[in-house]
Protein backbone atom coordinates (compact mmCIF):
# COMPACT_ATOMS: atom_id res chain seq x y z
CA MET A 1 57.76 -6.76 10.97
CA LEU A 2 58.94 -5.39 14.29
CA LYS A 3 62.64 -5.51 15.04
CA GLU A 4 64.01 -7.47 17.98
CA ASN A 5 63.44 -5.76 21.37
CA GLY A 6 60.93 -3.34 19.83
CA VAL A 7 58.20 -1.77 21.97
CA VAL A 8 54.52 -1.82 21.00
CA LEU A 9 52.66 0.82 23.00
CA PHE A 10 48.90 1.01 23.54
CA GLN A 11 47.57 4.41 24.60
CA GLY A 12 44.10 5.63 25.42
CA ASP A 13 41.29 5.62 27.96
CA SER A 14 39.31 2.92 29.80
CA VAL A 15 38.72 0.88 26.65
CA THR A 16 42.49 0.38 26.47
CA ASP A 17 43.18 0.43 30.22
CA CYS A 18 40.64 -2.33 30.90
CA GLY A 19 41.60 -2.88 34.54
CA ARG A 20 45.36 -3.11 34.16
CA ASN A 21 47.60 -3.00 37.25
CA ARG A 22 49.42 0.32 36.83
CA GLU A 23 52.15 -0.80 39.24
CA ASP A 24 53.09 -3.66 36.90
CA GLU A 25 54.27 -2.61 33.43
CA LYS A 26 53.84 -6.18 32.20
CA ASP A 27 50.12 -6.16 33.02
CA MET A 28 48.16 -5.64 29.80
CA GLY A 29 44.70 -5.37 31.37
CA ASN A 30 41.84 -7.60 30.26
CA GLY A 31 40.99 -6.17 26.84
CA TYR A 32 42.22 -5.91 23.29
CA PRO A 33 45.89 -5.09 24.18
CA LEU A 34 46.08 -8.39 26.08
CA LEU A 35 44.54 -10.31 23.18
CA ILE A 36 46.89 -8.70 20.65
CA SER A 37 50.04 -9.24 22.70
CA SER A 38 49.08 -12.83 23.53
CA TRP A 39 48.35 -13.66 19.91
CA PHE A 40 51.62 -12.12 18.73
CA GLN A 41 53.72 -13.98 21.27
CA ALA A 42 52.01 -17.27 20.46
CA ARG A 43 52.58 -16.79 16.72
CA TYR A 44 56.16 -15.50 16.99
CA PRO A 45 57.69 -17.17 20.08
CA GLU A 46 61.18 -16.51 18.71
CA LYS A 47 60.71 -12.72 18.78
CA ASN A 48 61.46 -10.60 21.83
CA ILE A 49 58.90 -7.79 21.57
CA ARG A 50 57.70 -5.73 24.56
CA PHE A 51 54.02 -4.86 24.72
CA ILE A 52 53.09 -2.00 27.05
CA ASN A 53 49.61 -0.74 27.95
CA LYS A 54 49.48 2.87 29.18
CA GLY A 55 45.74 3.45 28.81
CA ILE A 56 44.15 5.31 31.73
CA SER A 57 40.43 5.20 32.43
CA GLY A 58 38.70 8.56 32.03
CA ASN A 59 41.44 10.15 29.93
CA ARG A 60 40.75 12.72 27.27
CA VAL A 61 43.19 13.85 24.62
CA THR A 62 44.50 16.65 26.88
CA ASP A 63 45.38 14.00 29.49
CA LEU A 64 47.45 12.15 26.91
CA GLU A 65 49.27 15.36 26.06
CA SER A 66 50.12 16.02 29.71
CA ARG A 67 51.78 12.62 30.17
CA TRP A 68 53.06 12.05 26.64
CA ASP A 69 56.79 12.39 27.38
CA THR A 70 56.71 9.94 30.27
CA ASP A 71 54.16 7.47 28.91
CA CYS A 72 55.13 7.52 25.24
CA ILE A 73 58.26 9.30 24.03
CA ASN A 74 60.55 8.11 26.84
CA LEU A 75 59.55 4.49 26.18
CA GLU A 76 61.08 4.73 22.67
CA PRO A 77 58.26 2.79 21.02
CA ALA A 78 58.51 1.16 17.61
CA PHE A 79 54.71 1.09 17.24
CA VAL A 80 52.16 3.38 18.91
CA SER A 81 48.44 2.63 18.95
CA ILE A 82 46.15 5.46 20.12
CA LEU A 83 42.45 5.12 20.96
CA ILE A 84 41.09 8.34 22.48
CA GLY A 85 38.03 10.56 22.14
CA ILE A 86 34.98 9.00 23.76
CA ASN A 87 35.54 10.89 27.05
CA ASP A 88 35.96 14.13 25.10
CA THR A 89 32.34 13.50 24.09
CA TRP A 90 31.05 11.89 27.29
CA ARG A 91 32.05 14.78 29.59
CA ARG A 92 29.79 17.08 27.58
CA TYR A 93 26.78 14.97 28.50
CA ASP A 94 27.51 13.91 32.08
CA ASN A 95 29.47 16.90 33.37
CA ASN A 96 28.72 19.82 31.03
CA ASP A 97 32.43 19.92 30.17
CA PRO A 98 32.67 19.72 26.38
CA THR A 99 35.77 19.52 24.23
CA SER A 100 35.44 21.36 20.93
CA VAL A 101 36.36 19.54 17.74
CA GLN A 102 39.04 22.13 17.06
CA ASP A 103 40.65 21.67 20.49
CA PHE A 104 40.42 17.89 20.16
CA GLU A 105 42.08 17.88 16.74
CA ASN A 106 44.76 20.46 17.63
CA THR A 107 45.81 18.60 20.79
CA TYR A 108 45.76 15.26 19.00
CA ARG A 109 47.97 16.75 16.28
CA LYS A 110 50.50 17.85 18.92
CA ILE A 111 50.98 14.34 20.31
CA ILE A 112 51.27 12.83 16.82
CA LEU A 113 53.89 15.43 15.92
CA GLN A 114 55.90 14.48 18.99
CA VAL A 115 55.90 10.83 17.96
CA LYS A 116 56.94 11.79 14.43
CA GLU A 117 59.69 14.15 15.55
CA LYS A 118 61.12 12.20 18.49
CA THR A 119 60.74 8.54 17.53
CA ASN A 120 60.74 6.29 14.48
CA ALA A 121 57.51 4.64 15.53
CA GLU A 122 54.76 3.55 13.21
CA ILE A 123 51.42 4.96 14.37
CA MET A 124 47.91 3.53 14.35
CA LEU A 125 45.04 5.90 15.08
CA CYS A 126 41.91 4.11 16.30
CA GLU A 127 38.54 5.79 15.91
CA PRO A 128 36.53 6.38 19.08
CA PHE A 129 33.13 4.71 18.85
CA VAL A 130 29.72 4.48 20.46
CA LEU A 131 26.83 2.05 20.09
CA PRO A 132 23.15 3.05 20.48
CA VAL A 133 22.68 1.52 23.95
CA PRO A 134 21.31 2.82 26.21
CA GLU A 135 19.01 5.13 24.29
CA ASP A 136 20.75 8.37 25.29
CA ARG A 137 23.91 7.29 23.46
CA LYS A 138 22.17 8.16 20.20
CA GLU A 139 22.42 11.85 21.14
CA TRP A 140 26.20 11.54 21.38
CA ARG A 141 26.56 11.16 17.62
CA GLU A 142 26.24 14.93 17.22
CA ASP A 143 29.40 15.43 19.28
CA LEU A 144 31.35 12.26 18.47
CA ASP A 145 30.97 12.10 14.69
CA PRO A 146 33.00 15.28 14.03
CA LYS A 147 35.74 13.93 16.32
CA ILE A 148 35.80 10.68 14.37
CA HIS A 149 36.21 12.71 11.17
CA ALA A 150 39.05 14.62 12.86
CA VAL A 151 40.85 11.34 13.57
CA ARG A 152 40.44 10.30 9.95
CA SER A 153 41.77 13.68 8.80
CA LEU A 154 44.82 13.34 11.06
CA ALA A 155 45.48 9.85 9.70
CA ARG A 156 45.53 11.31 6.19
CA GLU A 157 47.66 14.27 7.23
CA PHE A 158 50.34 12.17 8.91
CA HIS A 159 50.02 9.03 6.74
CA THR A 160 49.33 6.81 9.72
CA LEU A 161 47.42 3.56 9.89
CA LEU A 162 43.72 4.03 10.68
CA LEU A 163 41.55 1.53 12.53
CA PRO A 164 37.91 2.44 11.65
CA LEU A 165 36.39 1.14 14.87
CA ASP A 166 33.13 3.07 14.80
CA GLY A 167 32.15 1.53 11.49
CA LEU A 168 33.49 -1.89 12.46
CA ILE A 169 31.61 -2.18 15.74
CA ASN A 170 28.38 -0.62 14.50
CA SER A 171 28.46 -2.97 11.53
CA ALA A 172 28.79 -5.92 13.91
CA ALA A 173 25.87 -4.52 15.92
CA ALA A 174 23.73 -4.69 12.79
CA GLN A 175 24.25 -8.47 12.76
CA ARG A 176 23.87 -9.08 16.48
CA SER A 177 22.55 -6.87 19.29
CA PRO A 178 24.70 -3.87 20.30
CA GLU A 179 24.89 -5.24 23.85
CA THR A 180 26.84 -8.21 22.46
CA TRP A 181 29.73 -5.87 21.70
CA ALA A 182 29.43 -3.14 24.37
CA ALA A 183 26.70 -3.37 27.00
CA ASP A 184 26.83 0.36 27.80
CA GLY A 185 27.59 1.42 24.24
CA VAL A 186 31.18 2.36 25.16
CA HIS A 187 33.06 -0.38 27.04
CA PRO A 188 33.48 -3.52 24.95
CA THR A 189 32.50 -6.97 26.09
CA MET A 190 35.10 -9.67 25.53
CA ALA A 191 33.50 -10.28 22.14
CA GLY A 192 33.93 -6.58 21.42
CA HIS A 193 37.57 -6.63 22.50
CA ALA A 194 38.16 -9.71 20.33
CA LEU A 195 36.60 -7.91 17.36
CA ILE A 196 38.91 -4.92 17.92
CA ALA A 197 41.98 -7.14 18.37
CA GLN A 198 41.23 -9.12 15.24
CA GLU A 199 40.98 -6.02 13.04
CA TRP A 200 43.94 -4.34 14.78
CA ILE A 201 46.19 -7.31 13.98
CA ARG A 202 45.03 -7.30 10.38
CA LYS A 203 45.69 -3.57 9.98
CA ALA A 204 49.09 -3.74 11.68
CA GLY A 205 50.17 -6.56 9.41
CA PHE A 206 51.25 -8.74 12.31
């Protein structure tokens, strides 16, 4: 369990950002970080834990690296949750600006090493994910799947927690239409965010 005055930090792209007010550090956005922080505070009202969302829409792993000192290390987190990778795939298809698997993994390793070396934080790596809607998203598997495997490899290498979101959300989409969970295959609906939050809480042991 988190110690008193501990900081739980959410990092990532638009899936984490989810419309947060970047001028207000208390604003958690409208997605899974808000659901997780709200649930925790309702269950443990006696605990003084800070939840901070530093996700930024459009970010790739290199963007995290460039702001890692300010938006992670300097916050002295006790728990760091990272969800990154879908834009490293997306930019290949909409802007002809790919990120190789090797570059993705090497940069990701650098930010994990900083957390390990400069903080005592527990780390949760969250898989990037995509659902097969619209149709062109199916082509993305060629690029995204190796990046998902890289995240899994890093979780093994650094003994972090792993949230297997791609399997989780695609499994849910086998029971109910993919649009139920993410209308554009990338950005979760509220049901999708609730699904992520539910599994995140279970994995974190909160």
